[in-house]
């Protein structure tokens, strides 16, 4: 059964500019700029003063879920442009020292288990990767780009054919944002 109007109001913090045009929400803040396409024929996303309102008239089950999803995406965009998102990773090795470096938009993993050829992981969007000793920091105003870049780096050191309980070499996520 459908109920009346479903609304999700999100307050826009100071120092953040939001523009909505043709279903594309663009958020600009001190940490950077993030844009995302959020369009559905039965869901309205509009800016009213210092609030963003996500609403649906007579929503079905799917529209109710999408109103919450769109609200969560917009909240993540606001947090990302004000504070940013940071994933912390650790380089672990037993015998062969892993040498990690950043070349443009590629993260290079050299000397992993003594391999001659470097392994590569893509760095997405405006994500910044900083390496200090055995610590790797992945930061971005876009939570999806930061998370996928961290996952790409972790997946780049996946070992095939070895028991992961014994051969624990690799680069692992040790801290996620919001936890």
C-alpha atoms as a PDB file:
ATOM      1  CA  UNK A   1       0.000   0.000   0.000  1.00  0.00           C
ATOM      2  CA  UNK A   2       1.275   3.443  -0.893  1.00  0.00           C
ATOM      3  CA  UNK A   3       1.432   6.200   1.660  1.00  0.00           C
ATOM      4  CA  UNK A   4       1.475   9.997   1.098  1.00  0.00           C
ATOM      5  CA  UNK A   5       4.612  12.038   0.531  1.00  0.00           C
ATOM      6  CA  UNK A   6       8.070  10.736   1.512  1.00  0.00           C
ATOM      7  CA  UNK A   7      10.746  13.370   2.226  1.00  0.00           C
ATOM      8  CA  UNK A   8      14.395  13.408   3.254  1.00  0.00           C
ATOM      9  CA  UNK A   9      15.827  16.829   4.165  1.00  0.00           C
ATOM     10  CA  UNK A  10      19.586  17.312   4.295  1.00  0.00           C
ATOM     11  CA  UNK A  11      21.136  20.474   5.712  1.00  0.00           C
ATOM     12  CA  UNK A  12      23.915  22.087   3.661  1.00  0.00           C
ATOM     13  CA  UNK A  13      26.905  23.048   5.848  1.00  0.00           C
ATOM     14  CA  UNK A  14      28.645  26.423   5.593  1.00  0.00           C
ATOM     15  CA  UNK A  15      31.423  26.842   2.990  1.00  0.00           C
ATOM     16  CA  UNK A  16      29.699  24.288   0.722  1.00  0.00           C
ATOM     17  CA  UNK A  17      28.043  25.150  -2.594  1.00  0.00           C
ATOM     18  CA  UNK A  18      25.431  22.815  -4.072  1.00  0.00           C
ATOM     19  CA  UNK A  19      23.964  22.982  -7.558  1.00  0.00           C
ATOM     20  CA  UNK A  20      21.386  20.633  -9.052  1.00  0.00           C
ATOM     21  CA  UNK A  21      20.719  20.547 -12.801  1.00  0.00           C
ATOM     22  CA  UNK A  22      19.256  17.792 -15.036  1.00  0.00           C
ATOM     23  CA  UNK A  23      19.497  15.180 -12.284  1.00  0.00           C
ATOM     24  CA  UNK A  24      23.194  15.885 -11.613  1.00  0.00           C
ATOM     25  CA  UNK A  25      24.047  16.990  -8.076  1.00  0.00           C
ATOM     26  CA  UNK A  26      27.297  18.971  -7.869  1.00  0.00           C
ATOM     27  CA  UNK A  27      28.818  19.686  -4.433  1.00  0.00           C
ATOM     28  CA  UNK A  28      31.816  21.986  -4.043  1.00  0.00           C
ATOM     29  CA  UNK A  29      33.613  22.501  -0.737  1.00  0.00           C
ATOM     30  CA  UNK A  30      37.033  23.160   0.831  1.00  0.00           C
ATOM     31  CA  UNK A  31      38.293  19.580   0.204  1.00  0.00           C
ATOM     32  CA  UNK A  32      37.247  19.411  -3.445  1.00  0.00           C
ATOM     33  CA  UNK A  33      34.347  18.895  -5.794  1.00  0.00           C
ATOM     34  CA  UNK A  34      32.092  15.853  -6.244  1.00  0.00           C
ATOM     35  CA  UNK A  35      29.276  15.354  -8.738  1.00  0.00           C
ATOM     36  CA  UNK A  36      26.870  12.467  -9.126  1.00  0.00           C
ATOM     37  CA  UNK A  37      23.901  11.712 -11.345  1.00  0.00           C
ATOM     38  CA  UNK A  38      20.821  11.075  -9.204  1.00  0.00           C
ATOM     39  CA  UNK A  39      17.772  10.930 -11.448  1.00  0.00           C
ATOM     40  CA  UNK A  40      14.587   8.911 -11.351  1.00  0.00           C
ATOM     41  CA  UNK A  41      11.224   9.843 -12.904  1.00  0.00           C
ATOM     42  CA  UNK A  42       9.320   9.556  -9.586  1.00  0.00           C
ATOM     43  CA  UNK A  43      11.910  11.151  -7.276  1.00  0.00           C
ATOM     44  CA  UNK A  44      12.626  14.883  -6.981  1.00  0.00           C
ATOM     45  CA  UNK A  45      15.988  16.197  -5.785  1.00  0.00           C
ATOM     46  CA  UNK A  46      15.860  19.952  -5.230  1.00  0.00           C
ATOM     47  CA  UNK A  47      17.626  22.693  -3.290  1.00  0.00           C
ATOM     48  CA  UNK A  48      15.446  24.793  -0.997  1.00  0.00           C
ATOM     49  CA  UNK A  49      17.391  27.491   0.829  1.00  0.00           C
ATOM     50  CA  UNK A  50      20.061  25.829   2.972  1.00  0.00           C
ATOM     51  CA  UNK A  51      18.560  22.336   2.587  1.00  0.00           C
ATOM     52  CA  UNK A  52      18.483  19.658  -0.091  1.00  0.00           C
ATOM     53  CA  UNK A  53      15.130  17.891  -0.271  1.00  0.00           C
ATOM     54  CA  UNK A  54      14.778  14.394  -1.733  1.00  0.00           C
ATOM     55  CA  UNK A  55      11.078  13.567  -2.119  1.00  0.00           C
ATOM     56  CA  UNK A  56       8.635  11.197  -3.772  1.00  0.00           C
ATOM     57  CA  UNK A  57       4.844  11.371  -4.012  1.00  0.00           C
ATOM     58  CA  UNK A  58       2.971   8.127  -3.384  1.00  0.00           C
ATOM     59  CA  UNK A  59       6.188   6.058  -3.305  1.00  0.00           C
ATOM     60  CA  UNK A  60       6.286   2.347  -3.947  1.00  0.00           C
ATOM     61  CA  UNK A  61       8.802   0.076  -2.229  1.00  0.00           C
ATOM     62  CA  UNK A  62      11.553   0.849  -4.778  1.00  0.00           C
ATOM     63  CA  UNK A  63      11.061   4.624  -4.576  1.00  0.00           C
ATOM     64  CA  UNK A  64      11.177   4.502  -0.758  1.00  0.00           C
ATOM     65  CA  UNK A  65      14.508   2.719  -0.960  1.00  0.00           C
ATOM     66  CA  UNK A  66      15.850   5.162  -3.553  1.00  0.00           C
ATOM     67  CA  UNK A  67      14.886   8.226  -1.470  1.00  0.00           C
ATOM     68  CA  UNK A  68      17.031   6.852   1.370  1.00  0.00           C
ATOM     69  CA  UNK A  69      19.834   5.896  -1.010  1.00  0.00           C
ATOM     70  CA  UNK A  70      19.913   9.321  -2.661  1.00  0.00           C
ATOM     71  CA  UNK A  71      19.934  10.963   0.776  1.00  0.00           C
ATOM     72  CA  UNK A  72      22.884   8.814   1.855  1.00  0.00           C
ATOM     73  CA  UNK A  73      24.788   9.639  -1.360  1.00  0.00           C
ATOM     74  CA  UNK A  74      24.237  13.374  -0.842  1.00  0.00           C
ATOM     75  CA  UNK A  75      25.316  13.164   2.831  1.00  0.00           C
ATOM     76  CA  UNK A  76      28.508  11.338   1.753  1.00  0.00           C
ATOM     77  CA  UNK A  77      29.154  14.053  -0.841  1.00  0.00           C
ATOM     78  CA  UNK A  78      28.736  16.799   1.798  1.00  0.00           C
ATOM     79  CA  UNK A  79      31.038  15.025   4.290  1.00  0.00           C
ATOM     80  CA  UNK A  80      33.604  14.350   1.562  1.00  0.00           C
ATOM     81  CA  UNK A  81      33.794  17.961   0.420  1.00  0.00           C
ATOM     82  CA  UNK A  82      34.085  19.284   3.994  1.00  0.00           C
ATOM     83  CA  UNK A  83      36.246  16.659   5.752  1.00  0.00           C
ATOM     84  CA  UNK A  84      37.288  14.149   3.067  1.00  0.00           C
ATOM     85  CA  UNK A  85      37.617  10.380   3.348  1.00  0.00           C
ATOM     86  CA  UNK A  86      40.848   8.574   4.286  1.00  0.00           C
ATOM     87  CA  UNK A  87      41.735   4.884   4.105  1.00  0.00           C
ATOM     88  CA  UNK A  88      44.891   3.789   5.935  1.00  0.00           C
ATOM     89  CA  UNK A  89      46.778   0.769   4.638  1.00  0.00           C
ATOM     90  CA  UNK A  90      49.834  -1.161   5.811  1.00  0.00           C
ATOM     91  CA  UNK A  91      52.559  -2.818   3.742  1.00  0.00           C
ATOM     92  CA  UNK A  92      53.428  -6.247   5.201  1.00  0.00           C
ATOM     93  CA  UNK A  93      56.273  -8.497   4.063  1.00  0.00           C
ATOM     94  CA  UNK A  94      58.323 -11.331   5.562  1.00  0.00           C
ATOM     95  CA  UNK A  95      61.338 -11.735   3.270  1.00  0.00           C
ATOM     96  CA  UNK A  96      61.266  -9.659   0.088  1.00  0.00           C
ATOM     97  CA  UNK A  97      60.842  -5.933   0.904  1.00  0.00           C
ATOM     98  CA  UNK A  98      57.923  -4.502  -1.082  1.00  0.00           C
ATOM     99  CA  UNK A  99      58.665  -1.214  -2.816  1.00  0.00           C
ATOM    100  CA  UNK A 100      55.556   0.881  -3.464  1.00  0.00           C
ATOM    101  CA  UNK A 101      55.396   4.046  -5.551  1.00  0.00           C
ATOM    102  CA  UNK A 102      52.917   6.280  -7.374  1.00  0.00           C
ATOM    103  CA  UNK A 103      53.381   7.126 -11.064  1.00  0.00           C
ATOM    104  CA  UNK A 104      50.581   9.391 -12.306  1.00  0.00           C
ATOM    105  CA  UNK A 105      47.293   7.556 -11.805  1.00  0.00           C
ATOM    106  CA  UNK A 106      48.903   4.130 -11.230  1.00  0.00           C
ATOM    107  CA  UNK A 107      50.113   2.618  -7.945  1.00  0.00           C
ATOM    108  CA  UNK A 108      53.179   0.409  -8.568  1.00  0.00           C
ATOM    109  CA  UNK A 109      54.031  -2.560  -6.335  1.00  0.00           C
ATOM    110  CA  UNK A 110      57.596  -3.724  -6.993  1.00  0.00           C
ATOM    111  CA  UNK A 111      59.577  -6.725  -5.663  1.00  0.00           C
ATOM    112  CA  UNK A 112      56.403  -8.388  -4.363  1.00  0.00           C
ATOM    113  CA  UNK A 113      57.481 -11.954  -3.377  1.00  0.00           C
ATOM    114  CA  UNK A 114      60.630 -11.345  -5.435  1.00  0.00           C
ATOM    115  CA  UNK A 115      58.736 -10.907  -8.714  1.00  0.00           C
ATOM    116  CA  UNK A 116      60.635  -9.175 -11.518  1.00  0.00           C
ATOM    117  CA  UNK A 117      57.709  -7.295 -13.040  1.00  0.00           C
ATOM    118  CA  UNK A 118      55.816  -4.679 -11.009  1.00  0.00           C
ATOM    119  CA  UNK A 119      52.141  -5.123 -10.212  1.00  0.00           C
ATOM    120  CA  UNK A 120      49.844  -2.175 -10.901  1.00  0.00           C
ATOM    121  CA  UNK A 121      46.687  -0.797  -9.291  1.00  0.00           C
ATOM    122  CA  UNK A 122      44.546   2.022 -10.719  1.00  0.00           C
ATOM    123  CA  UNK A 123      44.038   5.260  -8.786  1.00  0.00           C
ATOM    124  CA  UNK A 124      40.539   6.600  -9.510  1.00  0.00           C
ATOM    125  CA  UNK A 125      39.326  10.185  -9.849  1.00  0.00           C
ATOM    126  CA  UNK A 126      40.962  12.879  -7.734  1.00  0.00           C
ATOM    127  CA  UNK A 127      42.232  10.377  -5.150  1.00  0.00           C
ATOM    128  CA  UNK A 128      45.614  11.124  -3.554  1.00  0.00           C
ATOM    129  CA  UNK A 129      47.870   8.270  -2.430  1.00  0.00           C
ATOM    130  CA  UNK A 130      50.717   9.039  -0.006  1.00  0.00           C
ATOM    131  CA  UNK A 131      53.343   6.461   1.027  1.00  0.00           C
ATOM    132  CA  UNK A 132      55.308   6.933   4.287  1.00  0.00           C
ATOM    133  CA  UNK A 133      57.453   3.944   5.187  1.00  0.00           C
ATOM    134  CA  UNK A 134      55.137   0.947   5.540  1.00  0.00           C
ATOM    135  CA  UNK A 135      51.986   3.118   5.745  1.00  0.00           C
ATOM    136  CA  UNK A 136      49.856   4.050   2.728  1.00  0.00           C
ATOM    137  CA  UNK A 137      47.208   6.772   2.976  1.00  0.00           C
ATOM    138  CA  UNK A 138      44.404   6.996   0.376  1.00  0.00           C
ATOM    139  CA  UNK A 139      42.378  10.253   0.548  1.00  0.00           C
ATOM    140  CA  UNK A 140      39.604  11.671  -1.617  1.00  0.00           C
ATOM    141  CA  UNK A 141      36.462  13.823  -1.316  1.00  0.00           C
ATOM    142  CA  UNK A 142      34.570  11.020  -3.110  1.00  0.00           C
ATOM    143  CA  UNK A 143      34.068   7.975  -0.832  1.00  0.00           C
ATOM    144  CA  UNK A 144      33.529   5.644  -3.799  1.00  0.00           C
ATOM    145  CA  UNK A 145      36.812   6.628  -5.494  1.00  0.00           C
ATOM    146  CA  UNK A 146      38.782   6.344  -2.229  1.00  0.00           C
ATOM    147  CA  UNK A 147      37.289   2.944  -1.375  1.00  0.00           C
ATOM    148  CA  UNK A 148      37.753   1.499  -4.861  1.00  0.00           C
ATOM    149  CA  UNK A 149      41.361   2.743  -5.042  1.00  0.00           C
ATOM    150  CA  UNK A 150      42.132   1.112  -1.660  1.00  0.00           C
ATOM    151  CA  UNK A 151      40.475  -2.110  -2.861  1.00  0.00           C
ATOM    152  CA  UNK A 152      42.495  -2.011  -6.116  1.00  0.00           C
ATOM    153  CA  UNK A 153      45.747  -1.695  -4.140  1.00  0.00           C
ATOM    154  CA  UNK A 154      44.761  -4.530  -1.783  1.00  0.00           C
ATOM    155  CA  UNK A 155      43.709  -6.731  -4.719  1.00  0.00           C
ATOM    156  CA  UNK A 156      46.992  -5.946  -6.506  1.00  0.00           C
ATOM    157  CA  UNK A 157      48.843  -7.975  -3.866  1.00  0.00           C
ATOM    158  CA  UNK A 158      46.537 -10.980  -3.940  1.00  0.00           C
ATOM    159  CA  UNK A 159      48.548 -14.216  -4.009  1.00  0.00           C
ATOM    160  CA  UNK A 160      47.393 -17.104  -6.161  1.00  0.00           C
ATOM    161  CA  UNK A 161      48.532 -20.629  -5.431  1.00  0.00           C
ATOM    162  CA  UNK A 162      49.808 -19.886  -1.920  1.00  0.00           C
ATOM    163  CA  UNK A 163      48.138 -20.425   1.443  1.00  0.00           C
ATOM    164  CA  UNK A 164      47.206 -16.886   2.653  1.00  0.00           C
ATOM    165  CA  UNK A 165      47.469 -18.024   6.288  1.00  0.00           C
ATOM    166  CA  UNK A 166      51.173 -18.725   5.777  1.00  0.00           C
ATOM    167  CA  UNK A 167      52.198 -16.178   3.117  1.00  0.00           C
ATOM    168  CA  UNK A 168      50.775 -12.992   4.599  1.00  0.00           C
ATOM    169  CA  UNK A 169      52.723 -10.572   2.403  1.00  0.00           C
ATOM    170  CA  UNK A 170      50.682  -7.773   0.867  1.00  0.00           C
ATOM    171  CA  UNK A 171      49.140  -4.355   1.377  1.00  0.00           C
ATOM    172  CA  UNK A 172      46.089  -4.402   3.629  1.00  0.00           C
ATOM    173  CA  UNK A 173      43.412  -1.881   4.673  1.00  0.00           C
ATOM    174  CA  UNK A 174      43.779  -1.295   8.412  1.00  0.00           C
ATOM    175  CA  UNK A 175      41.455   1.681   8.903  1.00  0.00           C
ATOM    176  CA  UNK A 176      38.365   2.832   7.025  1.00  0.00           C
ATOM    177  CA  UNK A 177      36.639   6.219   7.321  1.00  0.00           C
ATOM    178  CA  UNK A 178      33.801   6.456   9.816  1.00  0.00           C
ATOM    179  CA  UNK A 179      34.890   3.470  11.872  1.00  0.00           C
END
